[in-house]
Amino acid sequence: MAPSENPRWQSTEREWAQRTETVGGQKLIGAQGKQDQESADAAPRIPRFVSRREWKAEDPAQTDTVNFWPEWGGIAIHYEGPGKELKPQHTPDNKPPHFDDCYYQVRRIQHEHMHPLPIIGGEKYWDIAYNYLVCHHGYTFVGRGLGFQPGANGSQYNNQRYYAICGLIGADDPAPPQAMLDEIKAVADWVRAYDQAGANIKGRHVKGHRDLFDTKCPGQLYPYIGKGTFD
């Protein structure tokens, strides 16, 4: 999706998008009146955001001041990986996860990223390492959010150039539900529209983590990248 060519609109558009992730969806109607309404109506679907306040995120350990140029990279799709299958806390076995389980899962991920156990090891992050996390129900939990460099892409080079979107699915979970796939597409459209992710790259700019780093991530989400589901 091509970004707006109007510099004034592009600036206010990005600010509106960041505010939307914090307080919920609202269309931006500014001084241009009808022109702004038409631009807002043509914008991508607003993802079904769950704000950091709503999922009770821990405050970041530092203020992000690092460089981020997603227009020269794009979007990296992740999954949780082996041993990270969703274990419902509020539903019986073999039943679909309750929405409360998704909140629990995101808070667990942030805690593991910011406070890794010494016996397990792993990198310590100043916040949850993903920009966005998408659950089985088709909701997007805001991680670092729009305009912030992620920490999940495996190298500084990749983190400086790719948004990190994680599907909340483990290696042995069933195939991702359509609600998750549709929402990942909505978030990919969101960062393309409001932060020009992949704008300067010819060809496909939605990639699997495994395309950037030696890993099996994003597991069962990877075939959908090849099919162009998130393009």
Protein backbone atom coordinates (compact mmCIF):
# COMPACT_ATOMS: atom_id res chain seq x y z
CA MET A 1 0.00 0.00 0.00
CA ALA A 2 1.51 3.32 -1.07
CA PRO A 3 1.88 5.98 1.63
CA SER A 4 0.19 9.35 1.26
CA GLU A 5 2.05 11.84 -0.94
CA ASN A 6 0.83 14.82 1.06
CA PRO A 7 3.57 15.66 3.64
CA ARG A 8 1.13 17.46 5.95
CA TRP A 9 -1.30 14.56 5.90
CA GLN A 10 1.47 11.99 6.24
CA SER A 11 2.72 13.67 9.40
CA THR A 12 -0.66 13.94 11.11
CA GLU A 13 -1.62 10.48 9.83
CA ARG A 14 1.31 8.87 11.66
CA GLU A 15 0.57 10.77 14.86
CA TRP A 16 -3.07 9.67 14.65
CA ALA A 17 -2.02 6.05 14.12
CA GLN A 18 0.20 6.11 17.22
CA ARG A 19 -2.60 7.64 19.27
CA THR A 20 -5.05 5.02 17.99
CA GLU A 21 -2.83 2.25 19.37
CA THR A 22 -3.05 3.94 22.76
CA VAL A 23 -6.68 5.02 23.05
CA GLY A 24 -8.63 3.07 20.42
CA GLY A 25 -9.86 3.69 16.89
CA GLN A 26 -11.06 7.09 15.78
CA LYS A 27 -11.01 8.67 12.34
CA LEU A 28 -8.85 11.74 11.85
CA ILE A 29 -10.76 14.71 10.44
CA GLY A 30 -8.60 17.83 10.32
CA ALA A 31 -8.58 21.26 8.68
CA GLN A 32 -9.03 19.82 5.19
CA GLY A 33 -12.51 18.56 6.04
CA LYS A 34 -13.86 16.47 3.17
CA GLN A 35 -10.36 15.72 1.84
CA ASP A 36 -9.32 14.32 5.22
CA GLN A 37 -12.55 12.30 5.46
CA GLU A 38 -11.90 10.72 2.06
CA SER A 39 -8.32 9.89 3.01
CA ALA A 40 -9.45 8.37 6.30
CA ASP A 41 -12.12 6.28 4.56
CA ALA A 42 -9.49 4.95 2.11
CA ALA A 43 -7.10 3.98 4.90
CA PRO A 44 -6.56 0.32 5.87
CA ARG A 45 -8.80 -1.36 8.40
CA ILE A 46 -7.85 -0.41 11.93
CA PRO A 47 -6.54 -3.52 13.68
CA ARG A 48 -8.47 -4.65 16.74
CA PHE A 49 -5.96 -3.16 19.15
CA VAL A 50 -5.57 -4.11 22.79
CA SER A 51 -3.55 -1.24 24.21
CA ARG A 52 -0.63 -1.64 26.59
CA ARG A 53 -2.77 -0.14 29.33
CA GLU A 54 -5.51 -2.68 28.67
CA TRP A 55 -3.22 -5.72 28.85
CA LYS A 56 -1.43 -4.18 31.85
CA ALA A 57 2.01 -3.99 30.28
CA GLU A 58 5.01 -3.33 32.46
CA ASP A 59 6.60 0.04 31.75
CA PRO A 60 9.69 -0.13 29.49
CA ALA A 61 13.01 -0.17 31.32
CA GLN A 62 14.29 2.64 29.11
CA THR A 63 13.17 5.17 26.52
CA ASP A 64 13.75 3.98 22.98
CA THR A 65 16.08 6.35 21.09
CA VAL A 66 17.59 3.95 18.53
CA ASN A 67 17.38 4.28 14.76
CA PHE A 68 14.64 2.51 12.84
CA TRP A 69 14.26 2.53 9.05
CA PRO A 70 11.45 0.08 8.15
CA GLU A 71 11.11 1.62 4.69
CA TRP A 72 14.38 -0.16 3.87
CA GLY A 73 13.18 -3.54 5.11
CA GLY A 74 9.58 -4.32 5.91
CA ILE A 75 7.86 -6.78 8.22
CA ALA A 76 9.08 -9.98 9.88
CA ILE A 77 6.49 -12.55 10.98
CA HIS A 78 7.18 -14.58 14.14
CA TYR A 79 5.57 -17.30 16.22
CA GLU A 80 6.24 -18.32 19.81
CA GLY A 81 8.08 -21.52 19.02
CA PRO A 82 8.62 -24.95 20.63
CA GLY A 83 7.32 -25.37 24.15
CA LYS A 84 5.30 -22.17 23.90
CA GLU A 85 1.95 -23.69 23.00
CA LEU A 86 -1.04 -21.90 24.46
CA LYS A 87 -1.94 -23.57 27.76
CA PRO A 88 -5.42 -22.34 28.67
CA GLN A 89 -5.78 -21.15 32.24
CA HIS A 90 -9.52 -20.52 32.00
CA THR A 91 -10.87 -23.30 29.76
CA PRO A 92 -10.88 -27.13 29.90
CA ASP A 93 -8.51 -29.19 27.78
CA ASN A 94 -9.28 -29.47 24.07
CA LYS A 95 -11.39 -26.32 24.14
CA PRO A 96 -10.59 -23.08 22.27
CA PRO A 97 -8.62 -20.62 24.42
CA HIS A 98 -10.52 -18.01 26.36
CA PHE A 99 -9.63 -14.38 25.59
CA ASP A 100 -8.27 -14.03 29.14
CA ASP A 101 -5.65 -16.64 28.25
CA CYS A 102 -4.33 -14.34 25.52
CA TYR A 103 -3.83 -11.53 28.04
CA TYR A 104 -1.98 -13.95 30.31
CA GLN A 105 0.18 -15.13 27.42
CA VAL A 106 1.24 -11.62 26.38
CA ARG A 107 2.08 -10.62 29.95
CA ARG A 108 4.13 -13.82 30.30
CA ILE A 109 6.07 -13.04 27.12
CA GLN A 110 6.89 -9.54 28.31
CA HIS A 111 8.03 -10.84 31.70
CA GLU A 112 10.26 -13.47 30.08
CA HIS A 113 11.78 -10.88 27.76
CA MET A 114 12.46 -8.32 30.49
CA HIS A 115 13.30 -10.71 33.35
CA PRO A 116 14.86 -13.90 31.93
CA LEU A 117 15.66 -16.59 34.49
CA PRO A 118 19.45 -17.00 34.93
CA ILE A 119 19.13 -20.78 34.85
CA ILE A 120 17.45 -20.60 31.43
CA GLY A 121 19.49 -17.75 30.00
CA GLY A 122 18.56 -15.70 26.99
CA GLU A 123 18.80 -12.07 26.04
CA LYS A 124 17.36 -9.44 28.35
CA TYR A 125 15.26 -6.79 26.63
CA TRP A 126 14.18 -3.34 27.81
CA ASP A 127 10.58 -4.19 26.82
CA ILE A 128 8.62 -6.93 25.09
CA ALA A 129 10.62 -7.61 21.93
CA TYR A 130 7.74 -7.53 19.41
CA ASN A 131 5.93 -4.53 17.97
CA TYR A 132 2.62 -6.39 17.87
CA LEU A 133 1.24 -9.76 19.00
CA VAL A 134 -1.84 -11.27 17.34
CA CYS A 135 -4.01 -13.80 19.17
CA HIS A 136 -6.30 -16.67 18.09
CA HIS A 137 -9.36 -14.44 18.44
CA GLY A 138 -8.07 -11.88 15.92
CA TYR A 139 -6.96 -9.14 18.32
CA THR A 140 -3.67 -7.24 18.23
CA PHE A 141 -1.86 -6.63 21.50
CA VAL A 142 0.32 -3.54 21.16
CA GLY A 143 3.92 -4.31 22.09
CA ARG A 144 6.50 -1.67 21.24
CA GLY A 145 4.06 -0.29 18.71
CA LEU A 146 4.40 1.98 15.70
CA GLY A 147 7.72 3.69 15.05
CA PHE A 148 9.80 1.73 17.57
CA GLN A 149 12.63 -0.65 16.72
CA PRO A 150 11.87 -4.24 17.82
CA GLY A 151 14.31 -6.61 19.48
CA ALA A 152 13.10 -9.94 18.13
CA ASN A 153 14.58 -10.17 14.63
CA GLY A 154 17.92 -11.78 15.51
CA SER A 155 20.39 -9.01 14.69
CA GLN A 156 20.77 -5.26 14.97
CA TYR A 157 20.61 -4.95 11.19
CA ASN A 158 17.27 -6.75 11.02
CA ASN A 159 15.85 -4.93 14.03
CA GLN A 160 16.68 -1.59 12.43
CA ARG A 161 14.76 -2.49 9.25
CA TYR A 162 11.87 -4.83 10.06
CA TYR A 163 8.79 -4.61 12.22
CA ALA A 164 8.25 -7.74 14.33
CA ILE A 165 4.70 -9.17 14.34
CA CYS A 166 4.19 -12.30 16.43
CA GLY A 167 1.34 -14.74 16.02
CA LEU A 168 0.54 -16.21 19.45
CA ILE A 169 0.97 -19.80 18.35
CA GLY A 170 3.44 -22.49 19.40
CA ALA A 171 5.22 -25.14 17.38
CA ASP A 172 2.67 -27.87 18.19
CA ASP A 173 -0.48 -25.77 18.22
CA PRO A 174 -3.10 -26.44 15.52
CA ALA A 175 -3.02 -24.48 12.28
CA PRO A 176 -3.54 -20.74 12.80
CA PRO A 177 -7.22 -19.75 12.69
CA GLN A 178 -8.48 -17.43 9.98
CA ALA A 179 -9.09 -14.68 12.53
CA MET A 180 -5.37 -14.62 13.33
CA LEU A 181 -4.36 -14.59 9.66
CA ASP A 182 -6.76 -11.76 8.84
CA GLU A 183 -5.53 -9.69 11.77
CA ILE A 184 -1.84 -10.19 10.91
CA LYS A 185 -2.71 -8.89 7.43
CA ALA A 186 -4.44 -5.87 8.99
CA VAL A 187 -1.40 -5.06 11.14
CA ALA A 188 0.94 -5.48 8.15
CA ASP A 189 -1.23 -3.03 6.20
CA TRP A 190 -1.18 -0.69 9.19
CA VAL A 191 2.62 -0.37 9.38
CA ARG A 192 2.88 -0.14 5.60
CA ALA A 193 0.40 2.73 5.53
CA TYR A 194 1.54 4.66 8.60
CA ASP A 195 5.30 4.02 8.74
CA GLN A 196 6.08 3.13 5.10
CA ALA A 197 7.34 -0.35 5.99
CA GLY A 198 9.02 -1.81 2.90
CA ALA A 199 8.30 1.30 0.80
CA ASN A 200 11.81 1.43 -0.71
CA ILE A 201 12.10 -2.32 -1.34
CA LYS A 202 11.32 -3.98 -4.65
CA GLY A 203 9.59 -7.32 -4.36
CA ARG A 204 8.21 -8.98 -1.25
CA HIS A 205 8.82 -7.14 2.02
CA VAL A 206 6.79 -9.40 4.35
CA LYS A 207 9.16 -12.15 5.41
CA GLY A 208 9.38 -14.93 7.92
CA HIS A 209 11.89 -14.63 10.73
CA ARG A 210 13.65 -17.63 9.17
CA ASP A 211 14.30 -15.56 6.01
CA LEU A 212 16.39 -13.18 8.11
CA PHE A 213 17.99 -15.45 10.71
CA ASP A 214 18.86 -19.11 11.34
CA THR A 215 15.62 -20.28 12.97
CA LYS A 216 12.47 -22.29 12.27
CA CYS A 217 10.31 -19.29 13.16
CA PRO A 218 7.50 -18.58 12.24
CA GLY A 219 6.64 -22.27 12.05
CA GLN A 220 3.19 -23.01 10.68
CA LEU A 221 2.71 -19.33 9.76
CA TYR A 222 5.49 -19.53 7.19
CA PRO A 223 3.47 -21.11 4.31
CA TYR A 224 1.06 -18.17 4.44
CA ILE A 225 3.93 -15.78 3.73
CA GLY A 226 4.75 -17.71 0.57
CA LYS A 227 1.09 -17.59 -0.47
CA GLY A 228 1.08 -13.81 -0.13
CA THR A 229 -1.58 -13.88 2.60
CA PHE A 230 -0.06 -10.87 4.36
CA ASP A 231 0.93 -8.86 1.27
